[in-house]
PDB file of N, CA and C in Angstrom:
ATOM      1  N   UNK A   1     105.389 -23.543  -0.030  1.00  0.00           N
ATOM      2  CA  UNK A   1     105.354 -24.847  -0.675  1.00  0.00           C
ATOM      3  C   UNK A   1     104.087 -25.599  -0.258  1.00  0.00           C
ATOM      4  N   UNK A   2     103.737 -25.459   1.012  1.00  0.00           N
ATOM      5  CA  UNK A   2     102.551 -26.167   1.500  1.00  0.00           C
ATOM      6  C   UNK A   2     101.285 -25.649   0.808  1.00  0.00           C
ATOM      7  N   UNK A   3     101.203 -24.340   0.606  1.00  0.00           N
ATOM      8  CA  UNK A   3     100.048 -23.778  -0.110  1.00  0.00           C
ATOM      9  C   UNK A   3      99.985 -24.354  -1.520  1.00  0.00           C
ATOM     10  N   UNK A   4     101.136 -24.498  -2.145  1.00  0.00           N
ATOM     11  CA  UNK A   4     101.182 -25.088  -3.471  1.00  0.00           C
ATOM     12  C   UNK A   4     100.698 -26.526  -3.473  1.00  0.00           C
ATOM     13  N   UNK A   5     101.047 -27.275  -2.427  1.00  0.00           N
ATOM     14  CA  UNK A   5     100.580 -28.661  -2.319  1.00  0.00           C
ATOM     15  C   UNK A   5      99.073 -28.704  -2.147  1.00  0.00           C
ATOM     16  N   UNK A   6      98.554 -27.814  -1.295  1.00  0.00           N
ATOM     17  CA  UNK A   6      97.112 -27.798  -1.063  1.00  0.00           C
ATOM     18  C   UNK A   6      96.337 -27.448  -2.330  1.00  0.00           C
ATOM     19  N   UNK A   7      96.901 -26.552  -3.127  1.00  0.00           N
ATOM     20  CA  UNK A   7      96.224 -26.095  -4.337  1.00  0.00           C
ATOM     21  C   UNK A   7      96.603 -26.887  -5.588  1.00  0.00           C
ATOM     22  N   UNK A   8      97.560 -27.791  -5.463  1.00  0.00           N
ATOM     23  CA  UNK A   8      98.037 -28.522  -6.627  1.00  0.00           C
ATOM     24  C   UNK A   8      98.758 -27.599  -7.603  1.00  0.00           C
ATOM     25  N   UNK A   9      99.464 -26.619  -7.071  1.00  0.00           N
ATOM     26  CA  UNK A   9     100.129 -25.600  -7.873  1.00  0.00           C
ATOM     27  C   UNK A   9     101.627 -25.916  -7.937  1.00  0.00           C
ATOM     28  N   UNK A  10     102.027 -26.632  -8.969  1.00  0.00           N
ATOM     29  CA  UNK A  10     103.427 -27.045  -9.108  1.00  0.00           C
ATOM     30  C   UNK A  10     104.379 -25.867  -9.276  1.00  0.00           C
ATOM     31  N   UNK A  11     103.929 -24.804  -9.942  1.00  0.00           N
ATOM     32  CA  UNK A  11     104.779 -23.624 -10.125  1.00  0.00           C
ATOM     33  C   UNK A  11     105.100 -22.976  -8.778  1.00  0.00           C
ATOM     34  N   UNK A  12     104.119 -22.908  -7.890  1.00  0.00           N
ATOM     35  CA  UNK A  12     104.341 -22.337  -6.561  1.00  0.00           C
ATOM     36  C   UNK A  12     105.265 -23.226  -5.732  1.00  0.00           C
ATOM     37  N   UNK A  13     105.099 -24.520  -5.822  1.00  0.00           N
ATOM     38  CA  UNK A  13     105.977 -25.458  -5.112  1.00  0.00           C
ATOM     39  C   UNK A  13     107.412 -25.283  -5.591  1.00  0.00           C
ATOM     40  N   UNK A  14     107.606 -25.196  -6.908  1.00  0.00           N
ATOM     41  CA  UNK A  14     108.947 -25.009  -7.468  1.00  0.00           C
ATOM     42  C   UNK A  14     109.557 -23.686  -7.007  1.00  0.00           C
ATOM     43  N   UNK A  15     108.763 -22.616  -7.033  1.00  0.00           N
ATOM     44  CA  UNK A  15     109.231 -21.305  -6.584  1.00  0.00           C
ATOM     45  C   UNK A  15     109.691 -21.368  -5.131  1.00  0.00           C
ATOM     46  N   UNK A  16     108.858 -21.908  -4.260  1.00  0.00           N
ATOM     47  CA  UNK A  16     109.168 -21.961  -2.832  1.00  0.00           C
ATOM     48  C   UNK A  16     110.383 -22.840  -2.549  1.00  0.00           C
ATOM     49  N   UNK A  17     110.470 -23.974  -3.194  1.00  0.00           N
ATOM     50  CA  UNK A  17     111.595 -24.886  -3.000  1.00  0.00           C
ATOM     51  C   UNK A  17     112.900 -24.263  -3.498  1.00  0.00           C
ATOM     52  N   UNK A  18     112.839 -23.622  -4.656  1.00  0.00           N
ATOM     53  CA  UNK A  18     114.023 -22.973  -5.207  1.00  0.00           C
ATOM     54  C   UNK A  18     114.476 -21.833  -4.311  1.00  0.00           C
ATOM     55  N   UNK A  19     113.548 -21.034  -3.804  1.00  0.00           N
ATOM     56  CA  UNK A  19     113.892 -19.934  -2.908  1.00  0.00           C
ATOM     57  C   UNK A  19     114.538 -20.454  -1.624  1.00  0.00           C
ATOM     58  N   UNK A  20     113.956 -21.483  -1.029  1.00  0.00           N
ATOM     59  CA  UNK A  20     114.520 -22.056   0.199  1.00  0.00           C
ATOM     60  C   UNK A  20     115.934 -22.584  -0.043  1.00  0.00           C
ATOM     61  N   UNK A  21     116.131 -23.306  -1.119  1.00  0.00           N
ATOM     62  CA  UNK A  21     117.456 -23.854  -1.426  1.00  0.00           C
ATOM     63  C   UNK A  21     118.466 -22.747  -1.709  1.00  0.00           C
ATOM     64  N   UNK A  22     118.017 -21.680  -2.348  1.00  0.00           N
ATOM     65  CA  UNK A  22     118.898 -20.553  -2.644  1.00  0.00           C
ATOM     66  C   UNK A  22     119.375 -19.881  -1.363  1.00  0.00           C
ATOM     67  N   UNK A  23     118.475 -19.683  -0.423  1.00  0.00           N
ATOM     68  CA  UNK A  23     118.863 -19.062   0.856  1.00  0.00           C
ATOM     69  C   UNK A  23     119.885 -19.946   1.568  1.00  0.00           C
ATOM     70  N   UNK A  24     119.636 -21.232   1.629  1.00  0.00           N
ATOM     71  CA  UNK A  24     120.542 -22.159   2.310  1.00  0.00           C
ATOM     72  C   UNK A  24     121.918 -22.144   1.651  1.00  0.00           C
ATOM     73  N   UNK A  25     121.957 -22.239   0.325  1.00  0.00           N
ATOM     74  CA  UNK A  25     123.241 -22.264  -0.389  1.00  0.00           C
ATOM     75  C   UNK A  25     123.989 -20.944  -0.242  1.00  0.00           C
ATOM     76  N   UNK A  26     123.267 -19.833  -0.232  1.00  0.00           N
ATOM     77  CA  UNK A  26     123.907 -18.528  -0.075  1.00  0.00           C
ATOM     78  C   UNK A  26     124.562 -18.414   1.293  1.00  0.00           C
ATOM     79  N   UNK A  27     123.868 -18.837   2.327  1.00  0.00           N
ATOM     80  CA  UNK A  27     124.427 -18.781   3.684  1.00  0.00           C
ATOM     81  C   UNK A  27     125.592 -19.762   3.815  1.00  0.00           C
ATOM     82  N   UNK A  28     125.443 -20.956   3.282  1.00  0.00           N
ATOM     83  CA  UNK A  28     126.535 -21.932   3.346  1.00  0.00           C
ATOM     84  C   UNK A  28     127.786 -21.441   2.617  1.00  0.00           C
ATOM     85  N   UNK A  29     127.599 -20.590   1.603  1.00  0.00           N
ATOM     86  CA  UNK A  29     128.730 -20.038   0.857  1.00  0.00           C
ATOM     87  C   UNK A  29     129.341 -18.823   1.556  1.00  0.00           C
ATOM     88  N   UNK A  30     128.784 -18.462   2.709  1.00  0.00           N
ATOM     89  CA  UNK A  30     129.348 -17.363   3.493  1.00  0.00           C
ATOM     90  C   UNK A  30     128.612 -16.053   3.372  1.00  0.00           C
ATOM     91  N   UNK A  31     127.548 -16.003   2.607  1.00  0.00           N
ATOM     92  CA  UNK A  31     126.759 -14.785   2.481  1.00  0.00           C
ATOM     93  C   UNK A  31     125.726 -14.715   3.586  1.00  0.00           C
ATOM     94  N   UNK A  32     125.938 -13.797   4.523  1.00  0.00           N
ATOM     95  CA  UNK A  32     124.997 -13.678   5.640  1.00  0.00           C
ATOM     96  C   UNK A  32     125.085 -12.304   6.272  1.00  0.00           C
ATOM     97  N   UNK A  33     124.067 -11.972   7.023  1.00  0.00           N
ATOM     98  CA  UNK A  33     124.053 -10.707   7.749  1.00  0.00           C
ATOM     99  C   UNK A  33     124.816 -10.867   9.057  1.00  0.00           C
ATOM    100  N   UNK A  34     125.079  -9.757   9.705  1.00  0.00           N
ATOM    101  CA  UNK A  34     125.924  -9.745  10.899  1.00  0.00           C
ATOM    102  C   UNK A  34     125.365 -10.616  12.024  1.00  0.00           C
ATOM    103  N   UNK A  35     124.052 -10.629  12.196  1.00  0.00           N
ATOM    104  CA  UNK A  35     123.471 -11.418  13.283  1.00  0.00           C
ATOM    105  C   UNK A  35     123.787 -12.904  13.138  1.00  0.00           C
ATOM    106  N   UNK A  36     123.763 -13.411  11.914  1.00  0.00           N
ATOM    107  CA  UNK A  36     124.122 -14.815  11.697  1.00  0.00           C
ATOM    108  C   UNK A  36     125.625 -15.026  11.782  1.00  0.00           C
ATOM    109  N   UNK A  37     126.385 -14.080  11.246  1.00  0.00           N
ATOM    110  CA  UNK A  37     127.842 -14.197  11.246  1.00  0.00           C
ATOM    111  C   UNK A  37     128.397 -14.263  12.662  1.00  0.00           C
ATOM    112  N   UNK A  38     127.820 -13.501  13.579  1.00  0.00           N
ATOM    113  CA  UNK A  38     128.303 -13.496  14.961  1.00  0.00           C
ATOM    114  C   UNK A  38     128.087 -14.839  15.653  1.00  0.00           C
ATOM    115  N   UNK A  39     127.125 -15.614  15.187  1.00  0.00           N
ATOM    116  CA  UNK A  39     126.915 -16.948  15.753  1.00  0.00           C
ATOM    117  C   UNK A  39     128.053 -17.897  15.382  1.00  0.00           C
ATOM    118  N   UNK A  40     128.712 -17.608  14.266  1.00  0.00           N
ATOM    119  CA  UNK A  40     129.841 -18.422  13.824  1.00  0.00           C
ATOM    120  C   UNK A  40     131.113 -17.986  14.534  1.00  0.00           C
ATOM    121  N   UNK A  41     131.323 -16.692  14.615  1.00  0.00           N
ATOM    122  CA  UNK A  41     132.513 -16.181  15.286  1.00  0.00           C
ATOM    123  C   UNK A  41     132.771 -14.737  14.906  1.00  0.00           C
ATOM    124  N   UNK A  42     133.611 -14.096  15.685  1.00  0.00           N
ATOM    125  CA  UNK A  42     133.891 -12.673  15.490  1.00  0.00           C
ATOM    126  C   UNK A  42     134.611 -12.391  14.174  1.00  0.00           C
ATOM    127  N   UNK A  43     135.304 -13.369  13.631  1.00  0.00           N
ATOM    128  CA  UNK A  43     136.068 -13.170  12.392  1.00  0.00           C
ATOM    129  C   UNK A  43     135.256 -13.458  11.129  1.00  0.00           C
ATOM    130  N   UNK A  44     134.031 -13.954  11.274  1.00  0.00           N
ATOM    131  CA  UNK A  44     133.202 -14.282  10.108  1.00  0.00           C
ATOM    132  C   UNK A  44     132.810 -13.011   9.367  1.00  0.00           C
ATOM    133  N   UNK A  45     133.033 -13.005   8.060  1.00  0.00           N
ATOM    134  CA  UNK A  45     132.642 -11.856   7.245  1.00  0.00           C
ATOM    135  C   UNK A  45     131.125 -11.816   7.125  1.00  0.00           C
ATOM    136  N   UNK A  46     130.575 -10.618   6.962  1.00  0.00           N
ATOM    137  CA  UNK A  46     129.132 -10.457   6.867  1.00  0.00           C
ATOM    138  C   UNK A  46     128.786  -9.355   5.870  1.00  0.00           C
ATOM    139  N   UNK A  47     127.510  -9.302   5.509  1.00  0.00           N
ATOM    140  CA  UNK A  47     126.989  -8.332   4.549  1.00  0.00           C
ATOM    141  C   UNK A  47     125.921  -7.480   5.226  1.00  0.00           C
ATOM    142  N   UNK A  48     125.667  -6.328   4.630  1.00  0.00           N
ATOM    143  CA  UNK A  48     124.518  -5.549   5.090  1.00  0.00           C
ATOM    144  C   UNK A  48     123.256  -6.293   4.663  1.00  0.00           C
ATOM    145  N   UNK A  49     122.137  -5.901   5.224  1.00  0.00           N
ATOM    146  CA  UNK A  49     120.871  -6.526   4.834  1.00  0.00           C
ATOM    147  C   UNK A  49     120.622  -6.333   3.342  1.00  0.00           C
ATOM    148  N   UNK A  50     120.873  -5.127   2.856  1.00  0.00           N
ATOM    149  CA  UNK A  50     120.679  -4.851   1.437  1.00  0.00           C
ATOM    150  C   UNK A  50     121.610  -5.703   0.581  1.00  0.00           C
ATOM    151  N   UNK A  51     122.864  -5.808   0.980  1.00  0.00           N
ATOM    152  CA  UNK A  51     123.818  -6.629   0.246  1.00  0.00           C
ATOM    153  C   UNK A  51     123.413  -8.097   0.228  1.00  0.00           C
ATOM    154  N   UNK A  52     122.932  -8.578   1.354  1.00  0.00           N
ATOM    155  CA  UNK A  52     122.482  -9.968   1.454  1.00  0.00           C
ATOM    156  C   UNK A  52     121.283 -10.206   0.534  1.00  0.00           C
ATOM    157  N   UNK A  53     120.320  -9.293   0.551  1.00  0.00           N
ATOM    158  CA  UNK A  53     119.151  -9.446  -0.309  1.00  0.00           C
ATOM    159  C   UNK A  53     119.523  -9.370  -1.787  1.00  0.00           C
ATOM    160  N   UNK A  54     120.485  -8.519  -2.120  1.00  0.00           N
ATOM    161  CA  UNK A  54     120.949  -8.446  -3.507  1.00  0.00           C
ATOM    162  C   UNK A  54     121.622  -9.744  -3.933  1.00  0.00           C
ATOM    163  N   UNK A  55     122.410 -10.330  -3.044  1.00  0.00           N
ATOM    164  CA  UNK A  55     123.074 -11.606  -3.343  1.00  0.00           C
ATOM    165  C   UNK A  55     122.039 -12.722  -3.492  1.00  0.00           C
ATOM    166  N   UNK A  56     121.033 -12.725  -2.615  1.00  0.00           N
ATOM    167  CA  UNK A  56     119.959 -13.709  -2.734  1.00  0.00           C
ATOM    168  C   UNK A  56     119.243 -13.561  -4.074  1.00  0.00           C
ATOM    169  N   UNK A  57     118.950 -12.322  -4.449  1.00  0.00           N
ATOM    170  CA  UNK A  57     118.273 -12.077  -5.719  1.00  0.00           C
ATOM    171  C   UNK A  57     119.103 -12.592  -6.885  1.00  0.00           C
ATOM    172  N   UNK A  58     120.387 -12.287  -6.856  1.00  0.00           N
ATOM    173  CA  UNK A  58     121.288 -12.752  -7.920  1.00  0.00           C
ATOM    174  C   UNK A  58     121.280 -14.277  -8.009  1.00  0.00           C
ATOM    175  N   UNK A  59     121.442 -14.933  -6.880  1.00  0.00           N
ATOM    176  CA  UNK A  59     121.479 -16.403  -6.861  1.00  0.00           C
ATOM    177  C   UNK A  59     120.124 -17.012  -7.225  1.00  0.00           C
ATOM    178  N   UNK A  60     119.046 -16.371  -6.780  1.00  0.00           N
ATOM    179  CA  UNK A  60     117.705 -16.882  -7.076  1.00  0.00           C
ATOM    180  C   UNK A  60     117.399 -16.761  -8.565  1.00  0.00           C
ATOM    181  N   UNK A  61     117.770 -15.639  -9.170  1.00  0.00           N
ATOM    182  CA  UNK A  61     117.542 -15.464 -10.606  1.00  0.00           C
ATOM    183  C   UNK A  61     118.293 -16.531 -11.407  1.00  0.00           C
ATOM    184  N   UNK A  62     119.522 -16.824 -10.998  1.00  0.00           N
ATOM    185  CA  UNK A  62     120.301 -17.880 -11.668  1.00  0.00           C
ATOM    186  C   UNK A  62     119.607 -19.242 -11.516  1.00  0.00           C
ATOM    187  N   UNK A  63     119.159 -19.521 -10.296  1.00  0.00           N
ATOM    188  CA  UNK A  63     118.522 -20.818 -10.036  1.00  0.00           C
ATOM    189  C   UNK A  63     117.206 -20.969 -10.811  1.00  0.00           C
ATOM    190  N   UNK A  64     116.450 -19.897 -10.926  1.00  0.00           N
ATOM    191  CA  UNK A  64     115.162 -19.981 -11.628  1.00  0.00           C
ATOM    192  C   UNK A  64     115.351 -20.104 -13.138  1.00  0.00           C
ATOM    193  N   UNK A  65     116.456 -19.576 -13.652  1.00  0.00           N
ATOM    194  CA  UNK A  65     116.677 -19.657 -15.100  1.00  0.00           C
ATOM    195  C   UNK A  65     117.370 -20.955 -15.509  1.00  0.00           C
ATOM    196  N   UNK A  66     117.841 -21.715 -14.537  1.00  0.00           N
ATOM    197  CA  UNK A  66     118.535 -22.971 -14.843  1.00  0.00           C
ATOM    198  C   UNK A  66     117.568 -24.089 -15.184  1.00  0.00           C
TER     199      UNK A  66
END
């Protein structure tokens, strides 16, 4: 986002902001890898790295098309 600000590139700012918000919302909804899940507790469900990245991609594609 900062690079976008320096260059006056609104598309890059939008991309970076949307990606950051998507990651936050995905984790808040319970989608996370084991390392993060263990910080919450032993009973927290978790995803593989590949599963997490696929979920991020799915959510990011939805956010970018909205």
